[in-house]
Amino acid sequence: MDLQDPRFDACRKATYIALDVSDWESAGGLVESLGPGVDGYKVGLELFHGDGERALSELAERGKRIFLDVKLHDIPNTVAGALKSIARHPGVEMVNVHAAGGERMMLAAREAIDGSWGSRRDRPLLIAVTVLTSLDENDLESMGFAEDVTTVVARYAGLAAKCGLDGVVASGREISIIRREVSGAFEIVVPGTRPRGSDAQDQRRTMTPDEAYRTGATRLVMGRAVTKQADAKAALTRIWQSMLEARPEVER
């Protein structure tokens, strides 16, 4: 199967490829190599600060969906101002803040999105990071948390929903806990997935793409498991095939 195969449509919509580089020349090369079969990309802090204006513009011109992964975490007024500035960039499908910023910050973020985009259909999804997938129980303990990871994730997810956010970023391991905490339509974006046999590298709470998809992730962010492979298209094709096998009902 080719990446443009219509049977991959649901997988395509659920996928962002991470452009974890510092300049558009490198990012653009990857976009071109993956071709029209891939339409979702994550612009994170490295690219946003290195060449963000150009990257966002180039991706928008190519009609790509953009997850702006800037993890805003500051006082409410500053986060609101940053989101109003982001409104200048077309093509941003989703943007995130840190749930740890608290209720007032997330409410300010929601108001900024609503005020800048109004009822426009291109208004981006606003989601909250719960606990970074690079952290485990030992990390939380050293940071002063008395609760385990799942408890913290569930509380943050509930707070994000209360503030009117569209979803959260979390490990695939916490999907079922979030679904119990939050009912109705709610995005669960899972980063750091790794195919079987892959090196987890700096990730601690990880899951394979097909497992996360089967468990109920609505969107997956894929980085080195695709971008650092000798044949990125072949690597992504294998991942999407495994996702279809995990949820054959999504095949069209």
Protein backbone atom coordinates (compact mmCIF):
# COMPACT_ATOMS: atom_id res chain seq x y z
CA MET A 1 0.00 0.00 0.00
CA ASP A 2 1.11 3.54 -0.82
CA LEU A 3 0.81 6.39 1.70
CA GLN A 4 -1.81 8.00 -0.56
CA ASP A 5 -4.00 4.89 -0.50
CA PRO A 6 -7.55 5.93 0.56
CA ARG A 7 -7.56 3.07 3.05
CA PHE A 8 -5.06 5.13 5.06
CA ASP A 9 -7.33 8.21 5.24
CA ALA A 10 -8.22 7.75 8.92
CA CYS A 11 -4.59 7.05 9.85
CA ARG A 12 -3.49 10.12 7.90
CA LYS A 13 -5.97 12.34 9.73
CA ALA A 14 -4.81 10.92 13.08
CA THR A 15 -1.09 11.47 12.43
CA TYR A 16 1.34 14.34 12.85
CA ILE A 17 4.97 13.86 11.86
CA ALA A 18 7.31 15.73 14.20
CA LEU A 19 9.60 18.22 12.47
CA ASP A 20 12.18 18.20 15.28
CA VAL A 21 14.84 20.23 13.47
CA SER A 22 15.91 23.86 13.76
CA ASP A 23 15.50 25.18 10.19
CA TRP A 24 13.06 24.98 7.31
CA GLU A 25 15.62 23.58 4.89
CA SER A 26 15.84 20.39 6.96
CA ALA A 27 12.11 20.31 7.73
CA GLY A 28 11.14 21.02 4.14
CA GLY A 29 13.33 18.20 2.90
CA LEU A 30 11.47 15.75 5.11
CA VAL A 31 8.08 17.11 4.02
CA GLU A 32 9.03 16.73 0.37
CA SER A 33 10.40 13.22 0.89
CA LEU A 34 7.17 12.02 2.52
CA GLY A 35 5.11 13.57 -0.27
CA PRO A 36 1.37 14.25 -0.56
CA GLY A 37 0.41 11.13 1.38
CA VAL A 38 1.26 12.92 4.63
CA ASP A 39 -0.60 16.11 5.48
CA GLY A 40 -0.08 16.59 9.25
CA TYR A 41 3.06 17.97 10.86
CA LYS A 42 4.11 19.00 14.35
CA VAL A 43 6.10 22.21 14.74
CA GLY A 44 7.73 22.06 18.16
CA LEU A 45 9.93 24.40 20.12
CA GLU A 46 13.14 23.67 18.20
CA LEU A 47 11.73 24.60 14.79
CA PHE A 48 9.40 27.30 16.11
CA HIS A 49 12.27 29.22 17.70
CA GLY A 50 14.75 28.39 14.96
CA ASP A 51 12.70 29.17 11.85
CA GLY A 52 9.09 29.31 12.96
CA GLU A 53 7.71 32.08 10.76
CA ARG A 54 8.96 30.44 7.60
CA ALA A 55 8.03 26.90 8.67
CA LEU A 56 4.44 27.84 9.48
CA SER A 57 4.11 29.80 6.26
CA GLU A 58 5.58 27.06 4.07
CA LEU A 59 3.44 24.34 5.62
CA ALA A 60 0.29 26.45 5.25
CA GLU A 61 1.09 27.16 1.59
CA ARG A 62 1.36 23.41 1.02
CA GLY A 63 -2.03 22.84 2.64
CA LYS A 64 -0.60 20.88 5.57
CA ARG A 65 -2.29 20.52 8.94
CA ILE A 66 -0.15 22.00 11.72
CA PHE A 67 0.08 21.00 15.36
CA LEU A 68 1.87 23.92 17.00
CA ASP A 69 3.48 22.17 19.95
CA VAL A 70 4.71 25.18 21.96
CA LYS A 71 3.45 24.01 25.38
CA LEU A 72 2.59 27.50 26.65
CA HIS A 73 3.00 27.83 30.42
CA ASP A 74 3.06 31.32 31.91
CA ILE A 75 0.80 33.80 33.66
CA PRO A 76 -2.71 33.96 32.14
CA ASN A 77 -2.25 37.31 30.39
CA THR A 78 1.02 36.26 28.73
CA VAL A 79 -0.41 32.97 27.46
CA ALA A 80 -3.48 34.77 26.12
CA GLY A 81 -1.28 37.28 24.32
CA ALA A 82 0.82 34.53 22.77
CA LEU A 83 -2.27 32.77 21.44
CA LYS A 84 -3.57 36.02 19.96
CA SER A 85 -0.27 36.35 18.09
CA ILE A 86 -0.55 32.77 16.87
CA ALA A 87 -3.89 33.75 15.30
CA ARG A 88 -1.86 35.47 12.55
CA HIS A 89 -0.74 32.08 11.25
CA PRO A 90 -3.15 30.19 8.98
CA GLY A 91 -3.09 26.43 8.95
CA VAL A 92 -2.62 25.87 12.70
CA GLU A 93 -5.01 23.01 13.43
CA MET A 94 -4.03 22.48 17.05
CA VAL A 95 -2.02 24.29 19.74
CA ASN A 96 -1.24 23.40 23.33
CA VAL A 97 -0.67 24.80 26.80
CA HIS A 98 0.50 23.12 30.02
CA ALA A 99 -2.30 22.01 32.33
CA ALA A 100 0.10 22.72 35.18
CA GLY A 101 -0.43 26.42 34.42
CA GLY A 102 -3.72 26.09 36.26
CA GLU A 103 -7.36 26.89 35.79
CA ARG A 104 -7.08 30.66 35.31
CA MET A 105 -4.39 30.24 32.67
CA MET A 106 -6.37 27.64 30.73
CA LEU A 107 -9.52 29.77 30.90
CA ALA A 108 -7.55 32.75 29.57
CA ALA A 109 -6.21 30.55 26.77
CA ARG A 110 -9.72 29.40 25.85
CA GLU A 111 -10.96 33.00 25.81
CA ALA A 112 -8.03 34.09 23.63
CA ILE A 113 -8.72 31.37 21.07
CA ASP A 114 -12.44 32.13 21.02
CA GLY A 115 -11.85 35.88 20.80
CA SER A 116 -9.29 35.63 17.99
CA TRP A 117 -11.03 33.05 15.83
CA GLY A 118 -14.64 33.43 16.90
CA SER A 119 -16.89 30.83 15.29
CA ARG A 120 -14.62 30.36 12.25
CA ARG A 121 -14.30 26.77 11.14
CA ASP A 122 -10.51 27.06 11.06
CA ARG A 123 -10.32 27.77 14.79
CA PRO A 124 -7.56 25.53 16.17
CA LEU A 125 -8.11 22.89 18.78
CA LEU A 126 -6.78 23.93 22.18
CA ILE A 127 -5.31 21.07 24.20
CA ALA A 128 -3.36 20.76 27.45
CA VAL A 129 -0.21 18.79 28.21
CA THR A 130 -0.78 16.59 31.27
CA VAL A 131 2.48 14.86 32.29
CA LEU A 132 5.31 14.73 29.77
CA THR A 133 5.92 11.23 28.44
CA SER A 134 9.59 11.55 29.37
CA LEU A 135 8.65 11.57 33.08
CA ASP A 136 7.95 8.60 35.33
CA GLU A 137 7.02 8.06 38.98
CA ASN A 138 10.55 8.75 40.21
CA ASP A 139 10.63 12.06 38.34
CA LEU A 140 7.32 13.18 39.83
CA GLU A 141 8.48 12.24 43.31
CA SER A 142 11.65 14.29 42.90
CA MET A 143 9.46 17.22 41.78
CA GLY A 144 7.42 17.05 44.97
CA PHE A 145 4.33 15.21 43.73
CA ALA A 146 2.85 12.85 46.31
CA GLU A 147 0.54 11.21 43.76
CA ASP A 148 1.33 8.72 41.03
CA VAL A 149 1.39 9.60 37.33
CA THR A 150 -2.08 8.30 36.53
CA THR A 151 -3.68 10.32 39.32
CA VAL A 152 -1.98 13.51 38.18
CA VAL A 153 -2.91 12.90 34.53
CA ALA A 154 -6.56 12.23 35.43
CA ARG A 155 -6.77 15.40 37.52
CA TYR A 156 -5.19 17.55 34.81
CA ALA A 157 -7.47 16.06 32.16
CA GLY A 158 -10.53 16.80 34.26
CA LEU A 159 -9.36 20.37 34.84
CA ALA A 160 -8.72 20.89 31.13
CA ALA A 161 -12.23 19.67 30.31
CA LYS A 162 -13.70 21.92 32.99
CA CYS A 163 -11.95 24.89 31.37
CA GLY A 164 -13.46 24.07 27.99
CA LEU A 165 -10.33 22.76 26.30
CA ASP A 166 -10.68 20.31 23.43
CA GLY A 167 -8.40 17.61 24.80
CA VAL A 168 -5.07 16.70 26.31
CA VAL A 169 -1.64 15.33 25.49
CA ALA A 170 -0.88 12.17 27.44
CA SER A 171 0.83 8.81 27.27
CA GLY A 172 -1.08 5.97 25.67
CA ARG A 173 -0.96 4.24 29.04
CA GLU A 174 -3.38 6.80 30.48
CA ILE A 175 -6.03 6.76 27.71
CA SER A 176 -8.51 4.56 29.58
CA ILE A 177 -8.10 6.64 32.76
CA ILE A 178 -8.79 9.86 30.85
CA ARG A 179 -11.87 8.34 29.20
CA ARG A 180 -13.23 7.48 32.64
CA GLU A 181 -12.50 11.01 33.89
CA VAL A 182 -13.88 12.91 30.88
CA SER A 183 -16.98 11.92 28.95
CA GLY A 184 -18.01 12.98 25.47
CA ALA A 185 -15.84 14.19 22.61
CA PHE A 186 -12.36 14.85 23.93
CA GLU A 187 -9.09 14.66 22.02
CA ILE A 188 -6.33 12.44 23.41
CA VAL A 189 -3.09 13.19 21.61
CA VAL A 190 -0.35 10.62 22.20
CA PRO A 191 3.29 11.48 21.45
CA GLY A 192 6.38 9.32 21.72
CA THR A 193 4.90 6.13 20.28
CA ARG A 194 7.43 3.51 19.24
CA PRO A 195 6.99 0.45 16.99
CA ARG A 196 7.86 -2.88 18.59
CA GLY A 197 11.58 -3.38 18.95
CA SER A 198 12.40 0.35 18.77
CA ASP A 199 14.63 2.14 21.26
CA ALA A 200 12.52 4.18 23.71
CA GLN A 201 15.34 6.78 23.91
CA ASP A 202 14.24 9.64 26.22
CA GLN A 203 10.65 8.41 26.54
CA ARG A 204 9.53 6.70 29.76
CA ARG A 205 5.81 6.05 29.35
CA THR A 206 5.48 4.85 25.79
CA MET A 207 3.29 2.53 23.73
CA THR A 208 3.29 1.24 20.17
CA PRO A 209 1.22 3.27 17.65
CA ASP A 210 -1.22 0.43 17.02
CA GLU A 211 -1.77 -0.13 20.75
CA ALA A 212 -2.41 3.58 21.37
CA TYR A 213 -4.76 3.77 18.38
CA ARG A 214 -6.67 0.67 19.44
CA THR A 215 -6.97 1.94 23.03
CA GLY A 216 -8.58 5.18 21.89
CA ALA A 217 -5.98 7.79 21.00
CA THR A 218 -7.51 10.29 18.57
CA ARG A 219 -4.18 11.62 17.27
CA LEU A 220 -0.61 10.36 17.33
CA VAL A 221 2.63 12.32 17.04
CA MET A 222 5.41 10.32 15.39
CA GLY A 223 9.00 11.46 15.34
CA ARG A 224 12.21 9.45 15.25
CA ALA A 225 10.41 6.17 14.62
CA VAL A 226 9.72 7.63 11.15
CA THR A 227 12.04 10.56 10.57
CA LYS A 228 15.29 8.82 11.56
CA GLN A 229 14.69 5.72 9.47
CA ALA A 230 16.59 5.04 6.26
CA ASP A 231 13.26 4.91 4.39
CA ALA A 232 10.80 7.17 6.22
CA LYS A 233 7.91 6.42 3.84
CA ALA A 234 8.31 2.68 4.28
CA ALA A 235 8.52 3.07 8.06
CA LEU A 236 5.32 5.12 8.16
CA THR A 237 3.54 2.72 5.80
CA ARG A 238 4.30 -0.16 8.20
CA ILE A 239 3.00 1.87 11.16
CA TRP A 240 -0.22 2.81 9.37
CA GLN A 241 -0.76 -0.79 8.32
CA SER A 242 -0.44 -1.86 11.96
CA MET A 243 -2.94 0.86 12.96
CA LEU A 244 -5.46 -0.42 10.42
CA GLU A 245 -5.05 -3.94 11.74
CA ALA A 246 -5.63 -2.62 15.27
CA ARG A 247 -8.86 -0.83 14.26
CA PRO A 248 -10.09 -2.35 11.00
CA GLU A 249 -13.42 -0.54 11.38
CA VAL A 250 -11.76 2.75 10.35
CA GLU A 251 -10.74 1.42 6.93
CA ARG A 252 -12.68 3.06 4.11
